[in-house]
């Protein structure tokens, strides 16, 4: 049997990290005139979205900084596009 509490205890800090890493950046993908999509969360995975490479690098750096604040580490091996 899977413990639901352990998943929840991971998702709460992950949501906090992604929210604070995005901040007030203007770096997402424009969906409508008023809506931008900054990231996608699925299970323990987080997908950063951007229209420019420079913005993606900035978002990744902010994500690493915010993750370190709650003692999470971004796995660099899993960030490589294949």
C-alpha atoms as a PDB file:
ATOM      1  CA  UNK A   1       0.000   0.000   0.000  1.00  0.00           C
ATOM      2  CA  UNK A   2       1.272   3.462  -0.901  1.00  0.00           C
ATOM      3  CA  UNK A   3       1.395   6.164   1.739  1.00  0.00           C
ATOM      4  CA  UNK A   4      -0.417   9.247   0.434  1.00  0.00           C
ATOM      5  CA  UNK A   5       1.066  11.441   3.130  1.00  0.00           C
ATOM      6  CA  UNK A   6       4.617  11.077   1.775  1.00  0.00           C
ATOM      7  CA  UNK A   7       3.507  12.287  -1.662  1.00  0.00           C
ATOM      8  CA  UNK A   8       1.680  15.226  -0.136  1.00  0.00           C
ATOM      9  CA  UNK A   9       4.704  16.167   1.979  1.00  0.00           C
ATOM     10  CA  UNK A  10       6.772  16.341  -1.202  1.00  0.00           C
ATOM     11  CA  UNK A  11       4.225  18.194  -3.355  1.00  0.00           C
ATOM     12  CA  UNK A  12       3.705  21.036  -0.878  1.00  0.00           C
ATOM     13  CA  UNK A  13       7.340  22.239  -0.987  1.00  0.00           C
ATOM     14  CA  UNK A  14       7.529  21.566  -4.743  1.00  0.00           C
ATOM     15  CA  UNK A  15       4.529  23.813  -5.313  1.00  0.00           C
ATOM     16  CA  UNK A  16       6.067  26.507  -3.090  1.00  0.00           C
ATOM     17  CA  UNK A  17       9.366  26.313  -4.981  1.00  0.00           C
ATOM     18  CA  UNK A  18       7.753  26.550  -8.412  1.00  0.00           C
ATOM     19  CA  UNK A  19       5.515  29.429  -7.331  1.00  0.00           C
ATOM     20  CA  UNK A  20       8.409  31.447  -5.876  1.00  0.00           C
ATOM     21  CA  UNK A  21      10.769  30.630  -8.756  1.00  0.00           C
ATOM     22  CA  UNK A  22       8.245  31.995 -11.259  1.00  0.00           C
ATOM     23  CA  UNK A  23       7.622  35.110  -9.175  1.00  0.00           C
ATOM     24  CA  UNK A  24       6.747  38.132 -11.306  1.00  0.00           C
ATOM     25  CA  UNK A  25       8.808  36.991 -14.270  1.00  0.00           C
ATOM     26  CA  UNK A  26       7.433  37.662 -17.710  1.00  0.00           C
ATOM     27  CA  UNK A  27       8.877  34.439 -19.067  1.00  0.00           C
ATOM     28  CA  UNK A  28       6.112  31.910 -19.650  1.00  0.00           C
ATOM     29  CA  UNK A  29       4.225  30.868 -22.730  1.00  0.00           C
ATOM     30  CA  UNK A  30       1.461  33.321 -23.600  1.00  0.00           C
ATOM     31  CA  UNK A  31      -1.877  31.474 -23.695  1.00  0.00           C
ATOM     32  CA  UNK A  32      -4.267  34.399 -23.947  1.00  0.00           C
ATOM     33  CA  UNK A  33      -3.958  38.146 -23.605  1.00  0.00           C
ATOM     34  CA  UNK A  34      -4.031  37.883 -19.798  1.00  0.00           C
ATOM     35  CA  UNK A  35      -2.775  34.340 -19.115  1.00  0.00           C
ATOM     36  CA  UNK A  36       0.719  32.892 -19.130  1.00  0.00           C
ATOM     37  CA  UNK A  37       1.768  29.330 -18.412  1.00  0.00           C
ATOM     38  CA  UNK A  38       5.056  29.157 -16.475  1.00  0.00           C
ATOM     39  CA  UNK A  39       5.286  25.474 -15.584  1.00  0.00           C
ATOM     40  CA  UNK A  40       3.532  22.119 -15.522  1.00  0.00           C
ATOM     41  CA  UNK A  41       3.490  19.945 -12.427  1.00  0.00           C
ATOM     42  CA  UNK A  42       2.925  16.207 -12.690  1.00  0.00           C
ATOM     43  CA  UNK A  43       3.573  13.855  -9.772  1.00  0.00           C
ATOM     44  CA  UNK A  44       7.160  14.577  -8.702  1.00  0.00           C
ATOM     45  CA  UNK A  45       8.075  16.195 -12.037  1.00  0.00           C
ATOM     46  CA  UNK A  46       8.162  19.874 -12.866  1.00  0.00           C
ATOM     47  CA  UNK A  47       8.328  21.143 -16.452  1.00  0.00           C
ATOM     48  CA  UNK A  48       9.450  24.726 -17.019  1.00  0.00           C
ATOM     49  CA  UNK A  49       8.023  26.486 -20.065  1.00  0.00           C
ATOM     50  CA  UNK A  50       9.427  29.453 -21.948  1.00  0.00           C
ATOM     51  CA  UNK A  51       9.508  30.905 -25.447  1.00  0.00           C
ATOM     52  CA  UNK A  52      13.165  31.985 -25.224  1.00  0.00           C
ATOM     53  CA  UNK A  53      16.289  30.074 -24.227  1.00  0.00           C
ATOM     54  CA  UNK A  54      17.548  32.971 -22.089  1.00  0.00           C
ATOM     55  CA  UNK A  55      14.296  32.970 -20.114  1.00  0.00           C
ATOM     56  CA  UNK A  56      14.553  29.203 -19.629  1.00  0.00           C
ATOM     57  CA  UNK A  57      18.060  29.563 -18.218  1.00  0.00           C
ATOM     58  CA  UNK A  58      16.867  32.328 -15.898  1.00  0.00           C
ATOM     59  CA  UNK A  59      13.913  30.230 -14.732  1.00  0.00           C
ATOM     60  CA  UNK A  60      16.136  27.219 -14.127  1.00  0.00           C
ATOM     61  CA  UNK A  61      18.552  29.294 -12.040  1.00  0.00           C
ATOM     62  CA  UNK A  62      15.669  30.707  -9.971  1.00  0.00           C
ATOM     63  CA  UNK A  63      14.262  27.200  -9.527  1.00  0.00           C
ATOM     64  CA  UNK A  64      17.599  25.932  -8.201  1.00  0.00           C
ATOM     65  CA  UNK A  65      17.887  28.852  -5.777  1.00  0.00           C
ATOM     66  CA  UNK A  66      14.363  28.423  -4.418  1.00  0.00           C
ATOM     67  CA  UNK A  67      14.724  24.644  -4.163  1.00  0.00           C
ATOM     68  CA  UNK A  68      17.887  25.048  -2.104  1.00  0.00           C
ATOM     69  CA  UNK A  69      15.938  27.172   0.389  1.00  0.00           C
ATOM     70  CA  UNK A  70      13.800  24.136   1.302  1.00  0.00           C
ATOM     71  CA  UNK A  71      16.670  21.643   0.953  1.00  0.00           C
ATOM     72  CA  UNK A  72      15.600  20.241  -2.406  1.00  0.00           C
ATOM     73  CA  UNK A  73      18.071  19.658  -5.206  1.00  0.00           C
ATOM     74  CA  UNK A  74      17.406  19.719  -8.937  1.00  0.00           C
ATOM     75  CA  UNK A  75      18.722  16.534 -10.535  1.00  0.00           C
ATOM     76  CA  UNK A  76      20.840  17.818 -13.420  1.00  0.00           C
ATOM     77  CA  UNK A  77      20.941  14.430 -15.143  1.00  0.00           C
ATOM     78  CA  UNK A  78      17.166  14.480 -15.586  1.00  0.00           C
ATOM     79  CA  UNK A  79      17.135  18.011 -17.015  1.00  0.00           C
ATOM     80  CA  UNK A  80      18.838  17.082 -20.288  1.00  0.00           C
ATOM     81  CA  UNK A  81      16.564  17.081 -23.322  1.00  0.00           C
ATOM     82  CA  UNK A  82      16.845  13.871 -25.320  1.00  0.00           C
END
